[in-house]
Structures are given as C-alpha cells and as structure tokens.
PDB file of N, CA and C in Angstrom:
ATOM      1  N   UNK A   1      33.365  96.736  75.399  1.00  0.00           N
ATOM      2  CA  UNK A   1      33.624  96.316  73.997  1.00  0.00           C
ATOM      3  C   UNK A   1      33.323  97.199  73.299  1.00  0.00           C
ATOM      4  N   UNK A   2      34.578  97.588  72.341  1.00  0.00           N
ATOM      5  CA  UNK A   2      34.316  98.507  71.184  1.00  0.00           C
ATOM      6  C   UNK A   2      33.930  98.037  69.843  1.00  0.00           C
ATOM      7  N   UNK A   3      33.073  98.892  69.328  1.00  0.00           N
ATOM      8  CA  UNK A   3      32.579  98.867  67.963  1.00  0.00           C
ATOM      9  C   UNK A   3      33.563  99.192  67.136  1.00  0.00           C
ATOM     10  N   UNK A   4      34.549  99.945  67.370  1.00  0.00           N
ATOM     11  CA  UNK A   4      35.406 100.408  66.286  1.00  0.00           C
ATOM     12  C   UNK A   4      36.680  99.327  65.961  1.00  0.00           C
ATOM     13  N   UNK A   5      37.159  99.447  64.932  1.00  0.00           N
ATOM     14  CA  UNK A   5      38.376  98.640  64.780  1.00  0.00           C
ATOM     15  C   UNK A   5      39.592  99.560  64.912  1.00  0.00           C
ATOM     16  N   UNK A   6      39.481 100.788  65.216  1.00  0.00           N
ATOM     17  CA  UNK A   6      40.518 101.489  65.447  1.00  0.00           C
ATOM     18  C   UNK A   6      40.210 102.609  66.966  1.00  0.00           C
ATOM     19  N   UNK A   7      41.107 102.634  67.492  1.00  0.00           N
ATOM     20  CA  UNK A   7      40.784 103.574  68.811  1.00  0.00           C
ATOM     21  C   UNK A   7      40.524 105.059  68.330  1.00  0.00           C
ATOM     22  N   UNK A   8      39.921 105.898  69.240  1.00  0.00           N
ATOM     23  CA  UNK A   8      39.488 107.362  68.863  1.00  0.00           C
ATOM     24  C   UNK A   8      40.656 108.236  69.587  1.00  0.00           C
ATOM     25  N   UNK A   9      41.480 107.632  70.176  1.00  0.00           N
ATOM     26  CA  UNK A   9      42.696 108.630  71.010  1.00  0.00           C
ATOM     27  C   UNK A   9      43.755 107.510  71.323  1.00  0.00           C
ATOM     28  N   UNK A  10      44.921 108.193  70.919  1.00  0.00           N
ATOM     29  CA  UNK A  10      46.233 107.394  71.141  1.00  0.00           C
ATOM     30  C   UNK A  10      46.449 107.684  72.407  1.00  0.00           C
ATOM     31  N   UNK A  11      47.443 106.462  72.993  1.00  0.00           N
ATOM     32  CA  UNK A  11      47.869 106.516  74.084  1.00  0.00           C
ATOM     33  C   UNK A  11      48.697 107.874  74.590  1.00  0.00           C
ATOM     34  N   UNK A  12      49.389 108.372  73.745  1.00  0.00           N
ATOM     35  CA  UNK A  12      49.935 109.464  74.108  1.00  0.00           C
ATOM     36  C   UNK A  12      49.321 111.132  74.130  1.00  0.00           C
ATOM     37  N   UNK A  13      47.863 110.825  73.830  1.00  0.00           N
ATOM     38  CA  UNK A  13      47.039 111.846  73.776  1.00  0.00           C
ATOM     39  C   UNK A  13      46.635 112.337  75.293  1.00  0.00           C
ATOM     40  N   UNK A  14      46.293 113.462  75.707  1.00  0.00           N
ATOM     41  CA  UNK A  14      46.098 114.045  76.831  1.00  0.00           C
ATOM     42  C   UNK A  14      44.652 113.224  77.335  1.00  0.00           C
ATOM     43  N   UNK A  15      44.287 113.133  78.604  1.00  0.00           N
ATOM     44  CA  UNK A  15      43.192 112.686  79.238  1.00  0.00           C
ATOM     45  C   UNK A  15      41.989 113.188  78.684  1.00  0.00           C
ATOM     46  N   UNK A  16      41.573 114.621  78.144  1.00  0.00           N
ATOM     47  CA  UNK A  16      40.483 114.985  77.374  1.00  0.00           C
ATOM     48  C   UNK A  16      40.176 114.301  76.540  1.00  0.00           C
ATOM     49  N   UNK A  17      41.337 113.906  75.762  1.00  0.00           N
ATOM     50  CA  UNK A  17      40.926 113.158  74.205  1.00  0.00           C
ATOM     51  C   UNK A  17      40.541 111.924  74.561  1.00  0.00           C
ATOM     52  N   UNK A  18      41.070 111.189  75.863  1.00  0.00           N
ATOM     53  CA  UNK A  18      40.203 109.742  75.949  1.00  0.00           C
ATOM     54  C   UNK A  18      38.838 110.045  76.394  1.00  0.00           C
ATOM     55  N   UNK A  19      38.512 111.151  77.208  1.00  0.00           N
ATOM     56  CA  UNK A  19      37.503 111.353  77.609  1.00  0.00           C
ATOM     57  C   UNK A  19      36.046 111.432  76.560  1.00  0.00           C
ATOM     58  N   UNK A  20      36.674 112.173  75.484  1.00  0.00           N
ATOM     59  CA  UNK A  20      35.897 112.342  74.122  1.00  0.00           C
ATOM     60  C   UNK A  20      35.829 111.186  73.456  1.00  0.00           C
ATOM     61  N   UNK A  21      36.776 110.396  73.257  1.00  0.00           N
ATOM     62  CA  UNK A  21      36.654 109.154  72.898  1.00  0.00           C
ATOM     63  C   UNK A  21      35.726 108.503  73.377  1.00  0.00           C
ATOM     64  N   UNK A  22      35.702 108.352  74.476  1.00  0.00           N
ATOM     65  CA  UNK A  22      34.763 107.427  75.283  1.00  0.00           C
ATOM     66  C   UNK A  22      33.281 107.743  74.927  1.00  0.00           C
ATOM     67  N   UNK A  23      33.177 109.238  74.716  1.00  0.00           N
ATOM     68  CA  UNK A  23      31.479 109.789  74.550  1.00  0.00           C
ATOM     69  C   UNK A  23      31.295 109.272  73.260  1.00  0.00           C
ATOM     70  N   UNK A  24      32.075 109.480  72.030  1.00  0.00           N
ATOM     71  CA  UNK A  24      31.813 109.081  70.999  1.00  0.00           C
ATOM     72  C   UNK A  24      31.380 107.769  70.752  1.00  0.00           C
ATOM     73  N   UNK A  25      32.309 106.923  71.327  1.00  0.00           N
ATOM     74  CA  UNK A  25      31.843 105.192  71.494  1.00  0.00           C
ATOM     75  C   UNK A  25      30.412 104.919  72.262  1.00  0.00           C
ATOM     76  N   UNK A  26      30.289 105.866  73.023  1.00  0.00           N
ATOM     77  CA  UNK A  26      29.104 105.767  73.819  1.00  0.00           C
ATOM     78  C   UNK A  26      27.852 106.281  72.733  1.00  0.00           C
ATOM     79  N   UNK A  27      28.118 107.060  72.188  1.00  0.00           N
ATOM     80  CA  UNK A  27      27.135 107.744  71.298  1.00  0.00           C
ATOM     81  C   UNK A  27      26.879 106.741  70.132  1.00  0.00           C
ATOM     82  N   UNK A  28      28.063 106.552  69.549  1.00  0.00           N
ATOM     83  CA  UNK A  28      27.735 105.195  68.390  1.00  0.00           C
ATOM     84  C   UNK A  28      27.159 103.860  68.769  1.00  0.00           C
ATOM     85  N   UNK A  29      27.361 103.421  69.901  1.00  0.00           N
ATOM     86  CA  UNK A  29      26.685 102.270  70.458  1.00  0.00           C
ATOM     87  C   UNK A  29      25.351 102.387  70.416  1.00  0.00           C
ATOM     88  N   UNK A  30      24.944 103.524  70.882  1.00  0.00           N
ATOM     89  CA  UNK A  30      23.357 104.058  71.227  1.00  0.00           C
ATOM     90  C   UNK A  30      22.638 103.782  69.569  1.00  0.00           C
ATOM     91  N   UNK A  31      23.333 104.831  68.878  1.00  0.00           N
ATOM     92  CA  UNK A  31      23.062 104.992  67.453  1.00  0.00           C
ATOM     93  C   UNK A  31      23.201 103.478  66.818  1.00  0.00           C
ATOM     94  N   UNK A  32      23.906 102.564  66.755  1.00  0.00           N
ATOM     95  CA  UNK A  32      24.103 101.484  66.438  1.00  0.00           C
ATOM     96  C   UNK A  32      22.835 100.541  66.994  1.00  0.00           C
ATOM     97  N   UNK A  33      22.533 100.680  68.186  1.00  0.00           N
ATOM     98  CA  UNK A  33      21.358  99.889  68.630  1.00  0.00           C
ATOM     99  C   UNK A  33      19.916 100.510  67.871  1.00  0.00           C
ATOM    100  N   UNK A  34      19.724 101.802  67.545  1.00  0.00           N
ATOM    101  CA  UNK A  34      18.761 102.399  67.175  1.00  0.00           C
ATOM    102  C   UNK A  34      18.826 101.958  65.431  1.00  0.00           C
ATOM    103  N   UNK A  35      19.778 101.695  64.976  1.00  0.00           N
ATOM    104  CA  UNK A  35      19.837 101.331  63.701  1.00  0.00           C
ATOM    105  C   UNK A  35      19.211  99.762  63.678  1.00  0.00           C
ATOM    106  N   UNK A  36      19.701  99.060  64.329  1.00  0.00           N
ATOM    107  CA  UNK A  36      19.505  97.579  64.393  1.00  0.00           C
ATOM    108  C   UNK A  36      17.802  97.344  64.849  1.00  0.00           C
ATOM    109  N   UNK A  37      17.352  98.385  65.587  1.00  0.00           N
ATOM    110  CA  UNK A  37      15.959  98.196  65.837  1.00  0.00           C
ATOM    111  C   UNK A  37      15.191  98.698  64.507  1.00  0.00           C
ATOM    112  N   UNK A  38      15.713  99.511  63.901  1.00  0.00           N
ATOM    113  CA  UNK A  38      15.178 100.033  62.753  1.00  0.00           C
ATOM    114  C   UNK A  38      14.998  98.980  61.708  1.00  0.00           C
ATOM    115  N   UNK A  39      15.893  98.080  61.424  1.00  0.00           N
ATOM    116  CA  UNK A  39      16.027  97.064  60.416  1.00  0.00           C
ATOM    117  C   UNK A  39      15.086  95.772  60.966  1.00  0.00           C
ATOM    118  N   UNK A  40      14.882  95.758  62.455  1.00  0.00           N
ATOM    119  CA  UNK A  40      14.133  94.844  62.775  1.00  0.00           C
ATOM    120  C   UNK A  40      12.719  95.315  62.660  1.00  0.00           C
ATOM    121  N   UNK A  41      12.149  96.737  62.662  1.00  0.00           N
ATOM    122  CA  UNK A  41      11.003  97.097  62.177  1.00  0.00           C
ATOM    123  C   UNK A  41      10.711  96.980  60.705  1.00  0.00           C
ATOM    124  N   UNK A  42      11.512  97.492  59.919  1.00  0.00           N
ATOM    125  CA  UNK A  42      11.295  97.480  58.493  1.00  0.00           C
ATOM    126  C   UNK A  42      12.151  97.020  57.795  1.00  0.00           C
ATOM    127  N   UNK A  43      12.340  95.501  57.878  1.00  0.00           N
ATOM    128  CA  UNK A  43      13.498  94.624  57.157  1.00  0.00           C
ATOM    129  C   UNK A  43      13.321  94.833  55.646  1.00  0.00           C
ATOM    130  N   UNK A  44      14.609  94.667  54.766  1.00  0.00           N
ATOM    131  CA  UNK A  44      14.527  94.704  53.374  1.00  0.00           C
ATOM    132  C   UNK A  44      14.770  96.059  52.805  1.00  0.00           C
ATOM    133  N   UNK A  45      15.008  97.034  53.458  1.00  0.00           N
ATOM    134  CA  UNK A  45      15.119  98.682  53.157  1.00  0.00           C
ATOM    135  C   UNK A  45      16.805  98.645  52.890  1.00  0.00           C
ATOM    136  N   UNK A  46      16.850  99.727  52.024  1.00  0.00           N
ATOM    137  CA  UNK A  46      18.254  99.968  51.878  1.00  0.00           C
ATOM    138  C   UNK A  46      18.642 101.183  52.989  1.00  0.00           C
ATOM    139  N   UNK A  47      20.063 101.656  52.948  1.00  0.00           N
ATOM    140  CA  UNK A  47      20.393 102.587  54.102  1.00  0.00           C
ATOM    141  C   UNK A  47      19.755 103.928  53.775  1.00  0.00           C
ATOM    142  N   UNK A  48      19.535 104.356  52.640  1.00  0.00           N
ATOM    143  CA  UNK A  48      18.762 105.569  52.116  1.00  0.00           C
ATOM    144  C   UNK A  48      17.318 105.530  52.668  1.00  0.00           C
ATOM    145  N   UNK A  49      16.768 104.288  52.156  1.00  0.00           N
ATOM    146  CA  UNK A  49      15.384 104.310  52.663  1.00  0.00           C
ATOM    147  C   UNK A  49      15.008 104.287  54.278  1.00  0.00           C
ATOM    148  N   UNK A  50      16.143 103.677  55.067  1.00  0.00           N
ATOM    149  CA  UNK A  50      15.838 103.603  56.295  1.00  0.00           C
ATOM    150  C   UNK A  50      16.005 105.181  56.869  1.00  0.00           C
ATOM    151  N   UNK A  51      16.847 105.771  56.321  1.00  0.00           N
ATOM    152  CA  UNK A  51      17.449 107.044  56.848  1.00  0.00           C
ATOM    153  C   UNK A  51      16.109 108.048  56.672  1.00  0.00           C
ATOM    154  N   UNK A  52      15.348 107.838  55.605  1.00  0.00           N
ATOM    155  CA  UNK A  52      14.241 108.514  55.303  1.00  0.00           C
ATOM    156  C   UNK A  52      13.050 108.194  56.258  1.00  0.00           C
ATOM    157  N   UNK A  53      12.848 106.842  56.270  1.00  0.00           N
ATOM    158  CA  UNK A  53      11.794 106.273  57.133  1.00  0.00           C
ATOM    159  C   UNK A  53      11.979 106.742  58.391  1.00  0.00           C
ATOM    160  N   UNK A  54      13.352 106.805  58.874  1.00  0.00           N
ATOM    161  CA  UNK A  54      13.044 106.877  60.536  1.00  0.00           C
ATOM    162  C   UNK A  54      13.387 108.481  60.695  1.00  0.00           C
ATOM    163  N   UNK A  55      13.516 109.466  59.704  1.00  0.00           N
ATOM    164  CA  UNK A  55      13.909 110.755  60.073  1.00  0.00           C
ATOM    165  C   UNK A  55      15.110 110.821  60.909  1.00  0.00           C
ATOM    166  N   UNK A  56      16.042 110.287  60.227  1.00  0.00           N
ATOM    167  CA  UNK A  56      17.655 109.830  61.040  1.00  0.00           C
ATOM    168  C   UNK A  56      18.156 110.988  61.472  1.00  0.00           C
ATOM    169  N   UNK A  57      17.880 112.231  60.596  1.00  0.00           N
ATOM    170  CA  UNK A  57      18.044 113.619  60.964  1.00  0.00           C
ATOM    171  C   UNK A  57      19.615 114.006  60.890  1.00  0.00           C
ATOM    172  N   UNK A  58      20.189 112.975  60.114  1.00  0.00           N
ATOM    173  CA  UNK A  58      21.818 113.201  60.034  1.00  0.00           C
ATOM    174  C   UNK A  58      22.085 112.804  58.648  1.00  0.00           C
ATOM    175  N   UNK A  59      22.908 113.027  57.920  1.00  0.00           N
ATOM    176  CA  UNK A  59      23.493 112.213  56.717  1.00  0.00           C
ATOM    177  C   UNK A  59      23.265 110.769  56.688  1.00  0.00           C
ATOM    178  N   UNK A  60      22.638 110.204  55.699  1.00  0.00           N
ATOM    179  CA  UNK A  60      22.703 108.746  55.498  1.00  0.00           C
ATOM    180  C   UNK A  60      24.091 107.992  55.889  1.00  0.00           C
ATOM    181  N   UNK A  61      25.060 108.838  55.378  1.00  0.00           N
ATOM    182  CA  UNK A  61      26.582 107.850  55.778  1.00  0.00           C
ATOM    183  C   UNK A  61      26.443 107.499  56.843  1.00  0.00           C
ATOM    184  N   UNK A  62      25.933 108.355  57.978  1.00  0.00           N
ATOM    185  CA  UNK A  62      26.331 108.164  59.335  1.00  0.00           C
ATOM    186  C   UNK A  62      25.535 106.687  59.797  1.00  0.00           C
ATOM    187  N   UNK A  63      24.416 106.677  59.219  1.00  0.00           N
ATOM    188  CA  UNK A  63      23.487 105.459  59.276  1.00  0.00           C
ATOM    189  C   UNK A  63      23.962 104.247  58.745  1.00  0.00           C
ATOM    190  N   UNK A  64      24.796 104.534  57.407  1.00  0.00           N
ATOM    191  CA  UNK A  64      25.420 103.377  57.100  1.00  0.00           C
ATOM    192  C   UNK A  64      26.759 102.761  57.977  1.00  0.00           C
ATOM    193  N   UNK A  65      27.321 103.768  58.869  1.00  0.00           N
ATOM    194  CA  UNK A  65      28.259 103.162  59.464  1.00  0.00           C
ATOM    195  C   UNK A  65      27.791 102.488  60.774  1.00  0.00           C
ATOM    196  N   UNK A  66      26.737 102.718  61.304  1.00  0.00           N
ATOM    197  CA  UNK A  66      25.789 102.122  62.329  1.00  0.00           C
ATOM    198  C   UNK A  66      25.292 100.821  61.824  1.00  0.00           C
ATOM    199  N   UNK A  67      24.691 100.719  60.856  1.00  0.00           N
ATOM    200  CA  UNK A  67      24.247  99.391  60.191  1.00  0.00           C
ATOM    201  C   UNK A  67      25.823  98.583  59.958  1.00  0.00           C
ATOM    202  N   UNK A  68      26.428  99.286  59.524  1.00  0.00           N
ATOM    203  CA  UNK A  68      27.819  98.082  59.389  1.00  0.00           C
ATOM    204  C   UNK A  68      28.256  97.668  60.806  1.00  0.00           C
ATOM    205  N   UNK A  69      28.162  98.479  61.665  1.00  0.00           N
ATOM    206  CA  UNK A  69      28.612  98.303  63.153  1.00  0.00           C
ATOM    207  C   UNK A  69      27.754  96.854  63.661  1.00  0.00           C
ATOM    208  N   UNK A  70      26.481  97.391  63.277  1.00  0.00           N
ATOM    209  CA  UNK A  70      25.410  96.125  63.455  1.00  0.00           C
ATOM    210  C   UNK A  70      25.704  95.034  62.954  1.00  0.00           C
ATOM    211  N   UNK A  71      26.028  94.839  61.844  1.00  0.00           N
ATOM    212  CA  UNK A  71      26.498  93.616  60.924  1.00  0.00           C
ATOM    213  C   UNK A  71      27.493  92.922  61.709  1.00  0.00           C
ATOM    214  N   UNK A  72      28.761  94.002  62.006  1.00  0.00           N
ATOM    215  CA  UNK A  72      29.966  93.441  62.838  1.00  0.00           C
ATOM    216  C   UNK A  72      29.445  92.403  63.974  1.00  0.00           C
ATOM    217  N   UNK A  73      28.556  93.269  64.792  1.00  0.00           N
ATOM    218  CA  UNK A  73      28.300  92.705  66.298  1.00  0.00           C
ATOM    219  C   UNK A  73      27.409  91.252  65.993  1.00  0.00           C
ATOM    220  N   UNK A  74      26.789  91.086  64.719  1.00  0.00           N
ATOM    221  CA  UNK A  74      26.004  89.964  64.323  1.00  0.00           C
ATOM    222  C   UNK A  74      24.548  90.005  64.340  1.00  0.00           C
ATOM    223  N   UNK A  75      24.083  91.370  64.629  1.00  0.00           N
ATOM    224  CA  UNK A  75      22.856  91.691  64.862  1.00  0.00           C
ATOM    225  C   UNK A  75      21.914  91.885  63.502  1.00  0.00           C
ATOM    226  N   UNK A  76      22.511  92.313  62.473  1.00  0.00           N
ATOM    227  CA  UNK A  76      21.845  92.210  61.193  1.00  0.00           C
ATOM    228  C   UNK A  76      22.845  91.852  60.215  1.00  0.00           C
ATOM    229  N   UNK A  77      22.261  91.924  58.920  1.00  0.00           N
ATOM    230  CA  UNK A  77      23.372  91.309  57.721  1.00  0.00           C
ATOM    231  C   UNK A  77      22.475  92.054  56.423  1.00  0.00           C
ATOM    232  N   UNK A  78      23.287  92.150  55.513  1.00  0.00           N
ATOM    233  CA  UNK A  78      22.881  92.567  54.209  1.00  0.00           C
ATOM    234  C   UNK A  78      22.445  91.631  53.170  1.00  0.00           C
ATOM    235  N   UNK A  79      21.790  91.711  52.367  1.00  0.00           N
ATOM    236  CA  UNK A  79      21.197  90.644  51.273  1.00  0.00           C
ATOM    237  C   UNK A  79      21.402  91.399  49.933  1.00  0.00           C
ATOM    238  N   UNK A  80      21.000  90.864  48.799  1.00  0.00           N
ATOM    239  CA  UNK A  80      21.128  91.253  47.831  1.00  0.00           C
ATOM    240  C   UNK A  80      20.690  92.661  47.400  1.00  0.00           C
ATOM    241  N   UNK A  81      21.600  93.449  46.680  1.00  0.00           N
ATOM    242  CA  UNK A  81      21.291  94.866  46.548  1.00  0.00           C
ATOM    243  C   UNK A  81      20.380  95.229  45.265  1.00  0.00           C
ATOM    244  N   UNK A  82      19.600  96.287  45.594  1.00  0.00           N
ATOM    245  CA  UNK A  82      18.791  96.862  44.476  1.00  0.00           C
ATOM    246  C   UNK A  82      18.962  98.428  44.416  1.00  0.00           C
ATOM    247  N   UNK A  83      18.031  98.844  43.508  1.00  0.00           N
ATOM    248  CA  UNK A  83      18.131 100.315  43.222  1.00  0.00           C
ATOM    249  C   UNK A  83      17.322 100.817  44.570  1.00  0.00           C
ATOM    250  N   UNK A  84      18.176 102.047  45.537  1.00  0.00           N
ATOM    251  CA  UNK A  84      17.386 102.662  46.373  1.00  0.00           C
ATOM    252  C   UNK A  84      16.231 103.307  45.762  1.00  0.00           C
ATOM    253  N   UNK A  85      15.351 103.704  46.616  1.00  0.00           N
ATOM    254  CA  UNK A  85      13.894 104.436  45.926  1.00  0.00           C
ATOM    255  C   UNK A  85      14.312 105.764  46.337  1.00  0.00           C
ATOM    256  N   UNK A  86      15.228 105.953  47.508  1.00  0.00           N
ATOM    257  CA  UNK A  86      15.525 107.296  47.834  1.00  0.00           C
ATOM    258  C   UNK A  86      16.762 107.799  46.855  1.00  0.00           C
ATOM    259  N   UNK A  87      17.837 107.245  46.801  1.00  0.00           N
ATOM    260  CA  UNK A  87      18.868 107.893  46.239  1.00  0.00           C
ATOM    261  C   UNK A  87      19.130 107.365  44.945  1.00  0.00           C
ATOM    262  N   UNK A  88      18.413 106.361  44.437  1.00  0.00           N
ATOM    263  CA  UNK A  88      18.742 105.928  43.147  1.00  0.00           C
ATOM    264  C   UNK A  88      19.834 105.201  42.562  1.00  0.00           C
ATOM    265  N   UNK A  89      20.386 104.681  43.527  1.00  0.00           N
ATOM    266  CA  UNK A  89      21.733 103.881  43.495  1.00  0.00           C
ATOM    267  C   UNK A  89      21.461 102.546  44.085  1.00  0.00           C
ATOM    268  N   UNK A  90      22.389 101.578  43.434  1.00  0.00           N
ATOM    269  CA  UNK A  90      22.264 100.194  43.925  1.00  0.00           C
ATOM    270  C   UNK A  90      22.757 100.167  45.351  1.00  0.00           C
ATOM    271  N   UNK A  91      22.174  99.533  46.492  1.00  0.00           N
ATOM    272  CA  UNK A  91      22.589  99.652  47.587  1.00  0.00           C
ATOM    273  C   UNK A  91      22.185  98.189  48.217  1.00  0.00           C
ATOM    274  N   UNK A  92      23.027  97.767  49.194  1.00  0.00           N
ATOM    275  CA  UNK A  92      22.421  96.411  50.001  1.00  0.00           C
ATOM    276  C   UNK A  92      21.047  96.723  50.543  1.00  0.00           C
ATOM    277  N   UNK A  93      20.423  95.577  50.879  1.00  0.00           N
ATOM    278  CA  UNK A  93      19.179  95.773  51.686  1.00  0.00           C
ATOM    279  C   UNK A  93      19.581  95.117  52.953  1.00  0.00           C
ATOM    280  N   UNK A  94      19.120  95.619  53.989  1.00  0.00           N
ATOM    281  CA  UNK A  94      19.436  95.081  55.495  1.00  0.00           C
ATOM    282  C   UNK A  94      18.131  94.332  55.988  1.00  0.00           C
ATOM    283  N   UNK A  95      18.556  93.170  56.581  1.00  0.00           N
ATOM    284  CA  UNK A  95      17.801  92.225  57.428  1.00  0.00           C
ATOM    285  C   UNK A  95      18.309  92.112  58.864  1.00  0.00           C
ATOM    286  N   UNK A  96      17.430  91.392  59.749  1.00  0.00           N
ATOM    287  CA  UNK A  96      17.736  91.178  60.945  1.00  0.00           C
ATOM    288  C   UNK A  96      18.250  89.705  60.651  1.00  0.00           C
ATOM    289  N   UNK A  97      19.545  89.523  61.477  1.00  0.00           N
ATOM    290  CA  UNK A  97      20.244  88.069  61.241  1.00  0.00           C
ATOM    291  C   UNK A  97      19.551  86.909  61.983  1.00  0.00           C
ATOM    292  N   UNK A  98      19.428  85.995  61.327  1.00  0.00           N
ATOM    293  CA  UNK A  98      18.882  84.942  61.910  1.00  0.00           C
ATOM    294  C   UNK A  98      19.625  84.155  62.868  1.00  0.00           C
ATOM    295  N   UNK A  99      19.179  84.019  64.178  1.00  0.00           N
ATOM    296  CA  UNK A  99      19.679  83.464  65.187  1.00  0.00           C
ATOM    297  C   UNK A  99      19.506  81.945  65.437  1.00  0.00           C
ATOM    298  N   UNK A 100      20.535  81.276  65.644  1.00  0.00           N
ATOM    299  CA  UNK A 100      20.187  79.766  65.677  1.00  0.00           C
ATOM    300  C   UNK A 100      19.521  79.479  67.095  1.00  0.00           C
TER     301      UNK A 100
END
C-alpha cells in the first residue's frame, strides 16, 4: 500500500528509477510510523514542536509530510490550531485518532 497520492517513477522510467522509488516509499513509511509514535507519546504538539522534541534531525517540513501521511492512514488527526512555541506561527496540533 502506497502512502502517496502520486507515484515516484513513471511507467516509462528505467528499472533503476523504480528501485529508487521503492526505497523512498519504504523510508517514508518508516518515518510515518515514527511520526505517529511521536504524536502518541506527546499529543497536542505542533509539527514544529514535535520536530524539536524528537531531535528529528531534518527540516520540520519533512515531519509535516509524514504527519499528513499518518493522518491519511487514519492513525492521527489535527485539532485546533495555536501558535507554535518553536516557530511562532499558527499551526495545527496533532493527536492520536480515537479508534472505535
């Protein structure tokens, strides 16, 4: 199951492009799992705060992508935005999604 709405390689691309696309999807899936776990550990934080808390080690926008992937999977959700204590901008807060 792909976490992405688009493919990372076109049908006409060489086999090496398809291999690279599979690696990217695998890394993204692993990072999404980490992002979801992070939200479960410290719910109610913004992406900027989560990136700082976790020592993500990459730009916060990459964490935002993985959080969005986790939301599309149904694992986490956003709630009321507030000012991020790290970036000073209004951002969504992230929570584990309540499962019935």
